[in-house]
Amino acid sequence: MICRPHCAACCIFPSISSPIPGMSEGKPAMVACIQLDSELNCKLFGKPERPKVCRGFQPEVILCGQDAAEARKNFMWLLDKVEEK
């Protein structure tokens, strides 16, 4: 699967604990990364300053689904499971 244009689910829904340029403490879940542009593309994509956790994320149908709405639903399900623990 390739990354879906204008989705950015992985840049909004999960928390990221590592520093991001412009977000030195990382970002909480449900907060858009400061590095997203108006088209929901990563401004750091392909650059060395992109966090390792972001570089390591690979889109998968099981998480990203068939469209952005399904990706949101899947990420929300995961967040609920994490909060239950």
N, C-alpha and C. Protein backbone atom coordinates (compact mmCIF):
# COMPACT_ATOMS: atom_id res chain seq x y z
N MET A 1 0.86 -1.18 0.00
CA MET A 1 0.00 0.00 0.00
C MET A 1 0.89 1.24 0.00
N ILE A 2 0.51 2.23 -0.77
CA ILE A 2 1.23 3.50 -0.73
C ILE A 2 0.43 4.49 0.10
N CYS A 3 1.10 5.51 0.57
CA CYS A 3 0.43 6.52 1.40
C CYS A 3 -0.67 7.21 0.61
N ARG A 4 -1.82 7.37 1.23
CA ARG A 4 -2.98 7.99 0.59
C ARG A 4 -2.85 9.52 0.63
N PRO A 5 -2.88 10.17 -0.52
CA PRO A 5 -2.80 11.64 -0.53
C PRO A 5 -3.95 12.27 0.28
N HIS A 6 -3.65 13.33 0.96
CA HIS A 6 -4.63 14.13 1.71
C HIS A 6 -5.27 13.36 2.86
N CYS A 7 -4.61 12.35 3.38
CA CYS A 7 -5.15 11.56 4.49
C CYS A 7 -4.57 12.06 5.82
N ALA A 8 -3.27 11.86 6.01
CA ALA A 8 -2.53 12.31 7.20
C ALA A 8 -3.02 11.70 8.51
N ALA A 9 -3.74 10.58 8.44
CA ALA A 9 -4.22 9.95 9.66
C ALA A 9 -3.08 9.65 10.62
N CYS A 10 -1.95 9.15 10.09
CA CYS A 10 -0.82 8.80 10.95
C CYS A 10 -0.13 10.03 11.51
N CYS A 11 -0.43 11.20 10.98
CA CYS A 11 0.17 12.46 11.45
C CYS A 11 -0.77 13.22 12.38
N ILE A 12 -1.94 12.68 12.60
CA ILE A 12 -2.94 13.35 13.44
C ILE A 12 -3.33 12.47 14.63
N PHE A 13 -3.76 11.25 14.38
CA PHE A 13 -4.39 10.44 15.43
C PHE A 13 -3.45 9.85 16.47
N PRO A 14 -2.30 9.27 16.11
CA PRO A 14 -1.46 8.70 17.17
C PRO A 14 -0.64 9.76 17.90
N SER A 15 -0.24 9.43 19.11
CA SER A 15 0.70 10.29 19.81
C SER A 15 2.11 9.95 19.31
N ILE A 16 2.97 10.94 19.31
CA ILE A 16 4.37 10.75 18.94
C ILE A 16 5.20 11.33 20.07
N SER A 17 5.97 10.48 20.71
CA SER A 17 6.72 10.93 21.89
C SER A 17 8.08 11.52 21.55
N SER A 18 8.58 11.25 20.38
CA SER A 18 9.89 11.81 20.01
C SER A 18 9.73 13.24 19.50
N PRO A 19 10.79 14.05 19.63
CA PRO A 19 10.72 15.43 19.15
C PRO A 19 10.48 15.51 17.65
N ILE A 20 9.73 16.51 17.28
CA ILE A 20 9.45 16.83 15.88
C ILE A 20 9.88 18.29 15.71
N PRO A 21 10.53 18.66 14.63
CA PRO A 21 10.85 20.08 14.46
C PRO A 21 9.60 20.94 14.62
N GLY A 22 9.65 21.85 15.55
CA GLY A 22 8.50 22.70 15.87
C GLY A 22 7.63 22.16 16.98
N MET A 23 7.89 20.93 17.41
CA MET A 23 7.14 20.29 18.49
C MET A 23 8.15 19.50 19.33
N SER A 24 8.90 20.19 20.13
CA SER A 24 10.03 19.59 20.84
C SER A 24 9.64 18.47 21.80
N GLU A 25 8.41 18.44 22.23
CA GLU A 25 7.93 17.39 23.14
C GLU A 25 7.16 16.30 22.39
N GLY A 26 7.21 16.32 21.08
CA GLY A 26 6.39 15.39 20.30
C GLY A 26 4.98 15.94 20.19
N LYS A 27 4.01 15.07 19.99
CA LYS A 27 2.62 15.52 19.87
C LYS A 27 1.68 14.51 20.51
N PRO A 28 0.63 15.01 21.13
CA PRO A 28 -0.38 14.10 21.68
C PRO A 28 -1.28 13.54 20.58
N ALA A 29 -1.96 12.46 20.91
CA ALA A 29 -2.95 11.90 19.99
C ALA A 29 -4.02 12.94 19.68
N MET A 30 -4.54 12.89 18.49
CA MET A 30 -5.63 13.75 18.02
C MET A 30 -5.19 15.19 17.75
N VAL A 31 -3.90 15.44 17.72
CA VAL A 31 -3.37 16.77 17.41
C VAL A 31 -2.60 16.64 16.11
N ALA A 32 -2.90 17.51 15.17
CA ALA A 32 -2.19 17.48 13.89
C ALA A 32 -0.74 17.90 14.07
N CYS A 33 0.15 17.21 13.42
CA CYS A 33 1.57 17.57 13.45
C CYS A 33 1.74 18.94 12.82
N ILE A 34 2.59 19.75 13.41
CA ILE A 34 2.86 21.08 12.89
C ILE A 34 3.51 21.04 11.51
N GLN A 35 4.06 19.89 11.14
CA GLN A 35 4.73 19.76 9.86
C GLN A 35 3.79 19.37 8.70
N LEU A 36 2.50 19.32 8.96
CA LEU A 36 1.54 19.08 7.88
C LEU A 36 1.26 20.38 7.15
N ASP A 37 1.23 20.32 5.82
CA ASP A 37 0.89 21.53 5.07
C ASP A 37 -0.62 21.58 4.84
N SER A 38 -1.08 22.57 4.12
CA SER A 38 -2.53 22.75 3.91
C SER A 38 -3.15 21.63 3.08
N GLU A 39 -2.31 20.87 2.37
CA GLU A 39 -2.80 19.73 1.59
C GLU A 39 -2.67 18.41 2.36
N LEU A 40 -2.32 18.50 3.65
CA LEU A 40 -2.12 17.34 4.52
C LEU A 40 -0.96 16.45 4.06
N ASN A 41 0.09 17.09 3.58
CA ASN A 41 1.32 16.39 3.23
C ASN A 41 2.39 16.80 4.23
N CYS A 42 3.31 15.88 4.49
CA CYS A 42 4.39 16.14 5.44
C CYS A 42 5.45 17.04 4.79
N LYS A 43 5.75 18.15 5.44
CA LYS A 43 6.78 19.06 4.94
C LYS A 43 8.18 18.50 5.15
N LEU A 44 8.32 17.45 5.97
CA LEU A 44 9.62 16.86 6.25
C LEU A 44 9.87 15.57 5.48
N PHE A 45 8.89 15.12 4.71
CA PHE A 45 9.01 13.85 4.03
C PHE A 45 10.27 13.83 3.17
N GLY A 46 11.09 12.78 3.36
CA GLY A 46 12.32 12.64 2.60
C GLY A 46 13.50 13.44 3.14
N LYS A 47 13.29 14.18 4.21
CA LYS A 47 14.36 14.99 4.80
C LYS A 47 14.93 14.29 6.03
N PRO A 48 16.21 14.52 6.31
CA PRO A 48 16.83 13.84 7.45
C PRO A 48 16.25 14.24 8.81
N GLU A 49 15.66 15.40 8.93
CA GLU A 49 15.10 15.83 10.21
C GLU A 49 13.73 15.22 10.51
N ARG A 50 13.19 14.47 9.58
CA ARG A 50 11.93 13.77 9.83
C ARG A 50 12.18 12.73 10.93
N PRO A 51 11.35 12.70 11.98
CA PRO A 51 11.58 11.77 13.09
C PRO A 51 11.64 10.31 12.64
N LYS A 52 12.47 9.55 13.32
CA LYS A 52 12.65 8.13 13.00
C LYS A 52 11.32 7.38 13.04
N VAL A 53 10.50 7.67 14.03
CA VAL A 53 9.21 6.98 14.16
C VAL A 53 8.35 7.24 12.92
N CYS A 54 8.42 8.43 12.38
CA CYS A 54 7.64 8.76 11.18
C CYS A 54 8.21 8.05 9.95
N ARG A 55 9.53 8.04 9.86
CA ARG A 55 10.18 7.35 8.72
C ARG A 55 9.86 5.86 8.75
N GLY A 56 9.71 5.31 9.94
CA GLY A 56 9.46 3.88 10.07
C GLY A 56 8.03 3.46 9.84
N PHE A 57 7.10 4.40 9.87
CA PHE A 57 5.70 4.02 9.68
C PHE A 57 5.46 3.62 8.23
N GLN A 58 4.86 2.45 8.05
CA GLN A 58 4.52 1.97 6.71
C GLN A 58 3.00 1.82 6.62
N PRO A 59 2.38 2.44 5.63
CA PRO A 59 0.93 2.29 5.48
C PRO A 59 0.55 0.82 5.31
N GLU A 60 -0.48 0.42 6.02
CA GLU A 60 -0.99 -0.95 5.95
C GLU A 60 -2.51 -0.88 5.86
N VAL A 61 -3.08 -1.71 5.02
CA VAL A 61 -4.53 -1.72 4.84
C VAL A 61 -5.23 -1.93 6.17
N ILE A 62 -4.68 -2.81 7.02
CA ILE A 62 -5.34 -3.12 8.30
C ILE A 62 -5.49 -1.87 9.18
N LEU A 63 -4.58 -0.92 9.06
CA LEU A 63 -4.66 0.30 9.85
C LEU A 63 -5.24 1.46 9.04
N CYS A 64 -4.76 1.63 7.83
CA CYS A 64 -5.15 2.79 7.02
C CYS A 64 -6.49 2.59 6.31
N GLY A 65 -6.92 1.34 6.17
CA GLY A 65 -8.20 1.07 5.54
C GLY A 65 -8.21 1.42 4.07
N GLN A 66 -9.41 1.64 3.56
CA GLN A 66 -9.60 1.93 2.14
C GLN A 66 -9.70 3.42 1.84
N ASP A 67 -9.91 4.23 2.88
CA ASP A 67 -10.00 5.67 2.68
C ASP A 67 -9.70 6.37 4.00
N ALA A 68 -9.65 7.69 3.97
CA ALA A 68 -9.29 8.46 5.17
C ALA A 68 -10.29 8.25 6.31
N ALA A 69 -11.56 8.11 5.98
CA ALA A 69 -12.58 7.89 7.02
C ALA A 69 -12.36 6.55 7.73
N GLU A 70 -12.01 5.54 6.97
CA GLU A 70 -11.75 4.23 7.57
C GLU A 70 -10.47 4.27 8.40
N ALA A 71 -9.47 5.00 7.93
CA ALA A 71 -8.24 5.16 8.71
C ALA A 71 -8.55 5.81 10.05
N ARG A 72 -9.37 6.84 10.05
CA ARG A 72 -9.75 7.51 11.30
C ARG A 72 -10.43 6.52 12.24
N LYS A 73 -11.37 5.75 11.71
CA LYS A 73 -12.08 4.76 12.53
C LYS A 73 -11.10 3.76 13.14
N ASN A 74 -10.16 3.28 12.35
CA ASN A 74 -9.20 2.29 12.83
C ASN A 74 -8.28 2.89 13.91
N PHE A 75 -7.79 4.10 13.68
CA PHE A 75 -6.94 4.74 14.69
C PHE A 75 -7.73 5.01 15.97
N MET A 76 -8.98 5.42 15.86
CA MET A 76 -9.80 5.68 17.04
C MET A 76 -10.01 4.38 17.83
N TRP A 77 -10.22 3.26 17.13
CA TRP A 77 -10.37 1.98 17.80
C TRP A 77 -9.10 1.66 18.58
N LEU A 78 -7.94 1.87 17.97
CA LEU A 78 -6.68 1.62 18.66
C LEU A 78 -6.52 2.52 19.89
N LEU A 79 -6.86 3.79 19.74
CA LEU A 79 -6.76 4.70 20.88
C LEU A 79 -7.66 4.24 22.02
N ASP A 80 -8.85 3.78 21.70
CA ASP A 80 -9.75 3.28 22.74
C ASP A 80 -9.15 2.08 23.45
N LYS A 81 -8.52 1.18 22.70
CA LYS A 81 -7.90 0.00 23.29
C LYS A 81 -6.74 0.37 24.20
N VAL A 82 -5.95 1.35 23.81
CA VAL A 82 -4.82 1.80 24.62
C VAL A 82 -5.34 2.44 25.91
N GLU A 83 -6.40 3.23 25.82
CA GLU A 83 -6.96 3.89 27.00
C GLU A 83 -7.59 2.90 27.97
N GLU A 84 -8.06 1.76 27.47
CA GLU A 84 -8.66 0.74 28.33
C GLU A 84 -7.64 0.11 29.27
N LYS A 85 -6.37 0.11 28.88
CA LYS A 85 -5.33 -0.56 29.68
C LYS A 85 -4.89 0.23 30.85
